[in-house]
Amino acid sequence: MNRAPVILISPGIEAAGVEFGDQSISLSENYPRAVAAAGGIPLILPGGRSRALIAECVRRSDGVLLTGGDDIDPALYEDRLSRKLRRTVGTTPDGGERDYRELMLIDEVFRQRRPLLALCRGHQLLNVALGGGLIVDIPSQVPGALNHRRMDRRNGVVHQVRLTPESLLAKITASKNWA
C-alpha cells in the first residue's frame, strides 16, 4: 500500500501576531486544503532560521510548495533595478525574515532534489534565488500589460495560459492551454 505524499508548505510571516504580539506564521487554508484534496498530507514549515530544521523538514517531505504573499525584500535584487525604480520599492513587513527562510528552503530543495511547486510570490522568489530580477512596477516597465489584480475576478480567470509545446510542463500535462 502506498502512503500519501507529505507536502511541505511555506507560510507567510506576520510582523506582529494577533495573539502574542510577536511574529506569527500566516497561511491561507486554501493551500493545505488543496494538498489534502489531492490526496497529500500538508506539513507547514515552522518558523525560525534553523537550517538543520529546514533540511529535516525537506527530508521528511515528498514535495515542497512555495506560497504567495507579500513582496520580496528588494535588497535581494535591487542591484538589477534602475535608480528610479529602486526608490519605489519598500521593505517587507517582516523585515525579510520570510525571504531568508525560504531562500534556505529553496537551497535545501535543490540540494535534496525534491519536487518544488512555486506559486505567485513563490515563483518570484525562486527566480531571484536563481539570479533573476523582478519587474516591480508593471505599468511603467511593461507598457500595455494586462492588469492581473482584477478584484472583480478575484477567484476567476483573468487570462488563459499557454504552455510552450517543448517544455517539461507541457510534456507532463494533458492540456496545453489553461484558463
Foldseek 3Di string as FASTA:
>chain_A
DDAAFEEEEEFDWACQDPPPGHIDTDDDPVVQVVQVVVRHHYDYQDADQDLVSLLVVLVRGQEYEYDDDDAAACVLAVVVPDPVVSVVDDGDNNRRRSLNNVLSNLVSCVVVVHHYDYDHNRVVSVCSSVPHHDDPDCCVPPPPDQDPPDPVQNPHDRDKDAADCPDPVNVPDPDRIGD
